[in-house]
Each structure stands twice: as structure tokens, then as C-alpha cells.
Amino acid sequence: HSDSYEGERDDDNVRAVTPQLKCHVCASHVHHHNQIDQLLGDLRAIANEQVDGRFWVEFVTFVTRFKVLLQGLEDDSCDGTSIFYHTCERNEAPNPIFTVAKLVQLFHVLCQIIATLIATASNQSTVKDTNKALLQLLFRPWRKEATKKTSISPKDCGVILQILRIATFEIINSREDFEPPENLDQLLGVTFGLQLLQTMAKNIYSDSKTELHNFLDRPLESYKTCIRRNCQVKHGPLTVCNVCGVRFHKSCLGANENSDVKENCCPSCKASAQLVEAARTSNLSDIYSLVVEKGASPLQPFLSETAGNETALHVAIR
């Protein structure tokens, strides 16, 4: 679907919106928001159909359009114009919290369809191979490494991995654009929405392991370039986060180059691990600092000696 993918990723629709808005980020935001609305309506219609030949055609078409949306979000993020963490004095675009909430809705319906595909791939031999092909379209990892002449693109992977990367990329790279407490509500709302997307993507990825081959324990590990926006490091070792699998140069994310191997995790995962302990001790000042300043996720599970895998949310309500 590469030809149709590239054809849909032109800027005609964006240009149609731009003249009405003075802020180009808001124009892009409105465009992506409309894409999400259209996809959500179409996906809900597909979800009610029987899994047959027509369903497969419509679902592949939807996935292709979803990739266009995700590529647009990735392009904006890499250019430093995140629609989720953008605040505009003109207030021309929808509230970013509303946009990320709609994206969570869209992803929730997609996960429900994927669960159906997994079930039919297991139980009906006549559609098993076809459904597995569709699942590969959703879950395939990145296949190549970046070189001097080529770079890895999110479109080279399945949509589940792409949404997982976009959410992680946004949380790590875009928080510096905020100056709390003026935008604290939006900061927390958007970050939690993106963390929810992360969790949903990780869960559906994990649930599909029995049906697909070559799965990684840390799916983002297959994306072999630094997560930092506009990384300037030409040479130097990449560290793999031992929790989520994101690759990064320690210098890019302000980590200690001489830190112990056990501490080789990205800042958001490290903050999330600290959040579990802060929730256990009810240290409100630490909880505030970790969530607001570092993007710690209350949904990220960590192995505990006493309770197995637990999140800060589990600890807090227990």
C-alpha cells in the first residue's frame, strides 16, 4: 500500500484549513482532529460487520488511512510542532485534551476489532492465514536500521508499534514546551491520555503474542535510532531502556554516562519507577514533582518483591 499511502499524505487538506487559521500548528491540529473524527465513525461501522472478505478489504483501507494520520502526527512531532503540547493564545484549535481523548476512543475500538481477529485466527482455520496477515500489518516491527543515506520511518512498522512510539516520543520530547502551572491542567490531561495510549498498545501487543512470531519483549527496541528530537549525536553508543525498549543517547536525555547498567532506563520510565515508591509512602510533593515535571506514568507496571507487577495507581488505591 506504499503508493496509496504516499498519495494520501499530501498537504492538500492542511492547506484547505490553513487560510482560516493564522497559526500553522493549529491548522495542522484541526486537520488531524477531523481525521480522527472521520476514522472513528468509519471504524465503528466496520466493528459491527461480520469478519468476511468485505470486512478485510474495509479494514485494510482503514489501517492505511490510520497510518496517514499517525505519519502526520509523527511528522509534526519531529518538527517540534506537537499538536498535543501546543498552546496558542488565539485558541484556534480544539483543546488538545479533547483530541487525545478522541484518539484514545479510536484506539479502543481498534483494540476491540483486533481482539476479534485474534480469536478468529485461533478458532477458524479457513480464515486463520488471512487474519494473521492482517495482524502482521498491525504489529510488524521496524525491519531496517538507519544509515547515512536512509532513516527509519514509523510507516515501516505496524500501527500498534507506531502509536506506542508516538506516545512515548511526545511524552519524552514535548514536556519542555510547557511552563507549569499556567498550563498544568492541559499538561496533565494530555500526558495521562498519551500514557493511556501507551498502556493500551502494550497490552494488545502482549495479548497477540500467541498468534504472531518474532515478537519482542520490548517492541520499541526494534526502532534503532535515538528517541530525542533533533538528536545531534553523530557517533556514540545507544542505550536501550530496560523497561520500555526506547533507544537513546544518555547525553541527549541528560543521563549519567557512567550509570550502572541496572539504571539504563529512559527518564520517563525511571520517574515512573520512583512514582511507585512515592505512592507507597504517600509523599505528595514527590508525586507532584514526578508526574508534573518528569511525566511519570501511574499506569507503568514494575516488578515488586512483595506484590509482583504493580503500578503506582495500584499502590495508591491499595
Protein backbone atom coordinates (compact mmCIF):
# COMPACT_ATOMS: atom_id res chain seq x y z
CA HIS A 1 0.00 0.00 0.00
CA SER A 2 3.01 2.32 -0.27
CA ASP A 3 1.69 4.19 -3.32
CA SER A 4 -1.71 4.92 -1.81
CA TYR A 5 -0.08 5.77 1.49
CA GLU A 6 2.21 8.41 -0.01
CA GLY A 7 -0.60 9.73 -2.18
CA GLU A 8 -2.81 10.40 0.81
CA ARG A 9 -0.02 12.04 2.76
CA ASP A 10 -0.07 15.25 0.73
CA ASP A 11 -0.92 18.58 2.32
CA ASP A 12 -3.99 19.49 0.27
CA ASN A 13 -6.34 19.13 3.21
CA VAL A 14 -3.99 21.01 5.51
CA ARG A 15 -3.73 23.88 3.03
CA ALA A 16 -7.52 23.97 2.80
CA VAL A 17 -7.69 24.67 6.53
CA THR A 18 -4.62 26.89 6.89
CA PRO A 19 -6.07 30.11 5.31
CA GLN A 20 -8.76 30.17 8.00
CA LEU A 21 -6.22 29.95 10.83
CA LYS A 22 -3.25 32.22 11.48
CA CYS A 23 -1.35 29.57 13.47
CA HIS A 24 0.02 26.76 11.28
CA VAL A 25 0.19 24.37 14.25
CA CYS A 26 -3.49 24.99 14.98
CA ALA A 27 -4.27 24.38 11.29
CA SER A 28 -2.47 21.04 11.44
CA HIS A 29 -4.24 20.25 14.72
CA VAL A 30 -7.68 20.90 13.21
CA HIS A 31 -6.78 18.71 10.23
CA HIS A 32 -5.68 15.79 12.44
CA HIS A 33 -8.70 16.25 14.71
CA ASN A 34 -11.01 15.95 11.69
CA GLN A 35 -9.11 12.86 10.53
CA ILE A 36 -9.64 11.24 13.93
CA ASP A 37 -13.37 12.02 13.85
CA GLN A 38 -13.77 10.53 10.36
CA LEU A 39 -11.76 7.42 11.25
CA LEU A 40 -13.71 6.90 14.47
CA GLY A 41 -17.03 6.95 12.64
CA ASP A 42 -15.81 4.58 9.92
CA LEU A 43 -14.20 2.21 12.40
CA ARG A 44 -17.37 1.93 14.50
CA ALA A 45 -19.24 0.93 11.33
CA ILE A 46 -16.60 -1.68 10.48
CA ALA A 47 -16.69 -3.07 14.03
CA ASN A 48 -20.32 -4.11 13.55
CA GLU A 49 -19.63 -6.11 10.39
CA GLN A 50 -19.09 -9.83 10.09
CA VAL A 51 -15.47 -10.92 9.63
CA ASP A 52 -15.55 -11.84 5.93
CA GLY A 53 -13.98 -10.74 2.65
CA ARG A 54 -15.65 -7.33 2.68
CA PHE A 55 -14.54 -6.74 6.24
CA TRP A 56 -10.90 -7.49 5.34
CA VAL A 57 -10.93 -5.01 2.45
CA GLU A 58 -12.52 -2.25 4.54
CA PHE A 59 -10.25 -2.92 7.48
CA VAL A 60 -7.06 -2.78 5.38
CA THR A 61 -8.31 0.50 3.90
CA PHE A 62 -8.90 1.82 7.41
CA VAL A 63 -5.43 0.77 8.56
CA THR A 64 -3.90 2.58 5.57
CA ARG A 65 -5.79 5.76 6.45
CA PHE A 66 -4.84 5.38 10.11
CA LYS A 67 -1.20 5.19 9.05
CA VAL A 68 -1.64 8.50 7.21
CA LEU A 69 -2.91 10.09 10.43
CA LEU A 70 -0.09 8.62 12.51
CA GLN A 71 2.54 9.68 9.99
CA GLY A 72 1.17 13.23 10.12
CA LEU A 73 1.35 13.21 13.92
CA GLU A 74 4.90 11.87 13.76
CA ASP A 75 5.95 14.48 11.19
CA ASP A 76 4.55 17.28 13.35
CA SER A 77 6.27 15.92 16.47
CA CYS A 78 9.64 15.56 14.77
CA ASP A 79 9.34 19.15 13.50
CA GLY A 80 8.74 20.34 17.05
CA THR A 81 5.10 21.29 16.48
CA SER A 82 3.27 18.76 18.64
CA ILE A 83 -0.50 19.30 18.46
CA PHE A 84 -0.85 17.71 21.90
CA TYR A 85 1.51 20.03 23.76
CA HIS A 86 0.81 23.17 21.73
CA THR A 87 -0.80 26.15 23.42
CA CYS A 88 -1.96 29.05 21.29
CA GLU A 89 -3.10 32.44 22.56
CA ARG A 90 -5.61 32.59 19.71
CA ASN A 91 -7.24 29.30 20.81
CA GLU A 92 -7.95 28.41 17.19
CA ALA A 93 -7.69 24.63 17.53
CA PRO A 94 -9.64 22.12 19.68
CA ASN A 95 -8.44 21.55 23.21
CA PRO A 96 -5.54 19.07 22.95
CA ILE A 97 -7.03 17.10 25.86
CA PHE A 98 -10.16 16.58 23.79
CA THR A 99 -8.08 15.49 20.79
CA VAL A 100 -6.08 12.90 22.71
CA ALA A 101 -9.30 11.64 24.32
CA LYS A 102 -10.79 11.10 20.84
CA LEU A 103 -7.62 9.27 19.80
CA VAL A 104 -7.97 7.00 22.85
CA GLN A 105 -11.58 6.28 21.80
CA LEU A 106 -10.42 5.42 18.29
CA PHE A 107 -7.68 3.14 19.58
CA HIS A 108 -10.10 1.44 21.99
CA VAL A 109 -12.41 0.42 19.13
CA LEU A 110 -9.40 -0.73 17.11
CA CYS A 111 -8.27 -2.93 20.01
CA GLN A 112 -11.74 -4.50 20.19
CA ILE A 113 -11.54 -5.43 16.49
CA ILE A 114 -8.03 -6.79 16.95
CA ALA A 115 -9.26 -9.00 19.80
CA THR A 116 -11.87 -10.43 17.39
CA LEU A 117 -9.21 -11.04 14.73
CA ILE A 118 -7.03 -12.85 17.25
CA ALA A 119 -9.95 -15.06 18.30
CA THR A 120 -10.91 -15.98 14.72
CA ALA A 121 -7.29 -16.57 13.78
CA SER A 122 -7.15 -19.15 16.56
CA ASN A 123 -10.52 -20.83 16.08
CA GLN A 124 -11.34 -20.84 12.36
CA SER A 125 -8.79 -22.50 10.11
CA THR A 126 -10.42 -21.12 6.94
CA VAL A 127 -9.60 -17.52 7.87
CA LYS A 128 -6.56 -18.17 10.02
CA ASP A 129 -3.93 -17.21 7.46
CA THR A 130 -5.78 -14.10 6.31
CA ASN A 131 -6.30 -12.84 9.83
CA LYS A 132 -2.66 -13.43 10.67
CA ALA A 133 -1.71 -11.35 7.62
CA LEU A 134 -3.89 -8.53 8.93
CA LEU A 135 -2.32 -8.83 12.37
CA GLN A 136 1.13 -8.56 10.84
CA LEU A 137 0.00 -5.30 9.24
CA LEU A 138 -0.82 -4.06 12.72
CA PHE A 139 2.10 -5.46 14.72
CA ARG A 140 5.15 -5.84 12.48
CA PRO A 141 8.35 -4.33 13.93
CA TRP A 142 10.71 -2.00 12.12
CA ARG A 143 12.72 -4.05 9.63
CA LYS A 144 15.78 -1.94 8.91
CA GLU A 145 18.43 0.13 10.61
CA ALA A 146 19.10 3.75 9.85
CA THR A 147 22.17 4.51 7.74
CA LYS A 148 23.75 7.70 6.43
CA LYS A 149 21.55 7.50 3.32
CA THR A 150 18.32 6.17 4.81
CA SER A 151 16.38 6.63 8.00
CA ILE A 152 13.81 4.50 9.77
CA SER A 153 10.27 5.74 9.30
CA PRO A 154 7.30 4.84 11.51
CA LYS A 155 5.44 3.81 8.34
CA ASP A 156 7.82 0.84 8.12
CA CYS A 157 6.10 -0.76 11.14
CA GLY A 158 2.64 -1.83 12.25
CA VAL A 159 0.21 0.76 13.58
CA ILE A 160 0.33 -0.60 17.14
CA LEU A 161 4.06 -0.01 17.38
CA GLN A 162 3.71 3.36 15.71
CA ILE A 163 1.12 4.65 18.18
CA LEU A 164 3.29 3.32 21.00
CA ARG A 165 6.30 5.21 19.67
CA ILE A 166 4.39 8.44 19.04
CA ALA A 167 3.01 8.49 22.59
CA THR A 168 6.48 7.78 24.04
CA PHE A 169 8.14 10.34 21.76
CA GLU A 170 5.64 13.03 22.76
CA ILE A 171 5.99 12.44 26.49
CA ILE A 172 9.78 12.46 26.39
CA ASN A 173 10.29 15.36 23.95
CA SER A 174 7.41 17.78 24.33
CA ARG A 175 7.17 18.45 28.05
CA GLU A 176 9.89 21.09 27.84
CA ASP A 177 7.48 23.27 25.82
CA PHE A 178 5.37 23.80 28.94
CA GLU A 179 5.78 26.24 31.77
CA PRO A 180 3.62 25.00 34.67
CA PRO A 181 1.49 25.97 36.47
CA GLU A 182 -0.13 28.13 33.74
CA ASN A 183 -0.85 25.10 31.57
CA LEU A 184 -0.88 22.46 34.30
CA ASP A 185 -4.35 21.06 33.54
CA GLN A 186 -3.54 20.58 29.86
CA LEU A 187 -0.11 19.18 30.66
CA LEU A 188 -1.53 16.54 33.00
CA GLY A 189 -4.54 15.74 30.83
CA VAL A 190 -2.59 15.23 27.63
CA THR A 191 0.22 13.32 29.33
CA PHE A 192 -2.20 10.94 31.03
CA GLY A 193 -4.04 10.42 27.72
CA LEU A 194 -0.79 9.55 25.96
CA GLN A 195 0.19 7.25 28.83
CA LEU A 196 -3.17 5.52 28.46
CA LEU A 197 -2.46 5.03 24.75
CA GLN A 198 0.94 3.55 25.67
CA THR A 199 -0.66 1.09 28.07
CA MET A 200 -3.38 0.04 25.63
CA ALA A 201 -0.82 -0.53 22.86
CA LYS A 202 1.45 -2.55 25.15
CA ASN A 203 -1.45 -4.68 26.37
CA ILE A 204 -2.86 -5.52 22.93
CA TYR A 205 0.68 -6.21 21.69
CA SER A 206 1.24 -8.60 24.58
CA ASP A 207 -2.15 -10.29 24.07
CA SER A 208 -1.28 -11.03 20.44
CA LYS A 209 1.98 -12.83 21.17
CA THR A 210 0.46 -16.28 20.85
CA GLU A 211 -0.65 -15.58 17.27
CA LEU A 212 2.41 -13.85 15.83
CA HIS A 213 6.07 -14.71 15.52
CA ASN A 214 9.18 -12.64 16.23
CA PHE A 215 7.60 -10.60 18.99
CA LEU A 216 9.91 -8.60 21.23
CA ASP A 217 9.51 -8.22 24.95
CA ARG A 218 10.16 -4.51 24.40
CA PRO A 219 8.66 -3.68 20.99
CA LEU A 220 10.20 -0.21 20.71
CA GLU A 221 13.61 -1.84 20.78
CA SER A 222 13.18 -2.59 17.06
CA TYR A 223 13.34 1.18 16.35
CA LYS A 224 17.07 1.59 16.31
CA THR A 225 17.54 5.37 16.47
CA CYS A 226 17.60 7.85 19.35
CA ILE A 227 14.21 8.96 20.69
CA ARG A 228 15.43 12.52 21.22
CA ARG A 229 14.00 15.10 18.83
CA ASN A 230 16.71 16.53 16.56
CA CYS A 231 19.40 14.28 18.02
CA GLN A 232 22.79 15.77 17.10
CA VAL A 233 24.98 12.85 18.19
CA LYS A 234 26.85 11.53 15.14
CA HIS A 235 28.62 8.70 16.96
CA GLY A 236 28.33 7.10 20.35
CA PRO A 237 26.56 4.11 21.87
CA LEU A 238 22.80 3.93 22.09
CA THR A 239 21.30 2.83 25.39
CA VAL A 240 18.21 0.61 25.35
CA CYS A 241 15.72 1.39 28.10
CA ASN A 242 15.45 -1.80 30.12
CA VAL A 243 11.74 -1.13 30.76
CA CYS A 244 10.16 0.12 27.52
CA GLY A 245 12.93 -0.58 24.97
CA VAL A 246 13.33 3.00 23.71
CA ARG A 247 16.83 3.72 22.42
CA PHE A 248 18.58 6.93 23.42
CA HIS A 249 21.96 8.58 23.86
CA LYS A 250 22.45 9.26 27.54
CA SER A 251 23.79 12.71 26.71
CA CYS A 252 20.60 13.50 24.77
CA LEU A 253 18.37 12.82 27.76
CA GLY A 254 20.68 14.17 30.45
CA ALA A 255 21.52 10.78 31.95
CA ASN A 256 24.80 9.93 33.63
CA GLU A 257 27.12 8.28 31.11
CA ASN A 258 28.70 6.20 33.89
CA SER A 259 25.45 5.00 35.45
CA ASP A 260 25.03 1.36 36.35
CA VAL A 261 23.56 -0.98 33.74
CA LYS A 262 20.56 -1.55 36.01
CA GLU A 263 19.78 2.15 35.76
CA ASN A 264 19.71 2.13 31.97
CA CYS A 265 16.17 3.33 31.53
CA CYS A 266 14.73 6.42 29.90
CA PRO A 267 13.76 9.39 32.11
CA SER A 268 10.01 8.73 31.97
CA CYS A 269 10.41 5.06 32.97
CA LYS A 270 12.85 5.97 35.74
CA ALA A 271 10.40 8.58 37.01
CA SER A 272 7.57 6.02 36.84
CA ALA A 273 9.60 3.57 38.96
CA GLN A 274 10.19 6.33 41.51
CA LEU A 275 6.47 7.13 41.41
CA VAL A 276 5.62 3.62 42.61
CA GLU A 277 7.74 4.19 45.72
CA ALA A 278 6.37 7.69 46.22
CA ALA A 279 2.81 6.32 46.05
CA ARG A 280 3.73 3.66 48.61
CA THR A 281 4.98 6.31 51.07
CA SER A 282 2.24 8.84 50.18
CA ASN A 283 4.86 11.51 49.56
CA LEU A 284 2.65 14.08 47.82
CA SER A 285 5.43 16.52 46.98
CA ASP A 286 7.44 13.77 45.25
CA ILE A 287 4.32 12.52 43.44
CA TYR A 288 3.59 16.02 42.17
CA SER A 289 7.16 16.56 41.01
CA LEU A 290 7.45 13.20 39.25
CA VAL A 291 4.11 13.47 37.44
CA VAL A 292 4.26 17.15 36.50
CA GLU A 293 7.95 17.69 35.83
CA LYS A 294 9.06 14.26 34.59
CA GLY A 295 5.97 12.67 33.05
CA ALA A 296 5.90 9.65 35.37
CA SER A 297 3.12 7.22 34.47
CA PRO A 298 0.84 5.81 37.18
CA LEU A 299 0.00 3.02 34.69
CA GLN A 300 3.53 1.67 34.15
CA PRO A 301 3.95 -1.70 35.92
CA PHE A 302 7.14 -2.55 37.78
CA LEU A 303 8.21 -5.79 39.42
CA SER A 304 7.81 -5.74 43.18
CA GLU A 305 9.29 -8.25 45.61
CA THR A 306 6.03 -8.41 47.53
CA ALA A 307 3.22 -7.85 45.04
CA GLY A 308 4.58 -8.88 41.65
CA ASN A 309 3.95 -6.42 38.83
CA GLU A 310 2.28 -3.32 40.23
CA THR A 311 1.71 0.25 39.17
CA ALA A 312 1.70 3.46 41.18
CA LEU A 313 -2.08 3.51 40.73
CA HIS A 314 -2.36 0.02 42.28
CA VAL A 315 -0.19 1.07 45.18
CA ALA A 316 -2.12 4.32 45.76
CA ILE A 317 -5.57 2.71 45.92
CA ARG A 318 -4.34 -0.24 47.97
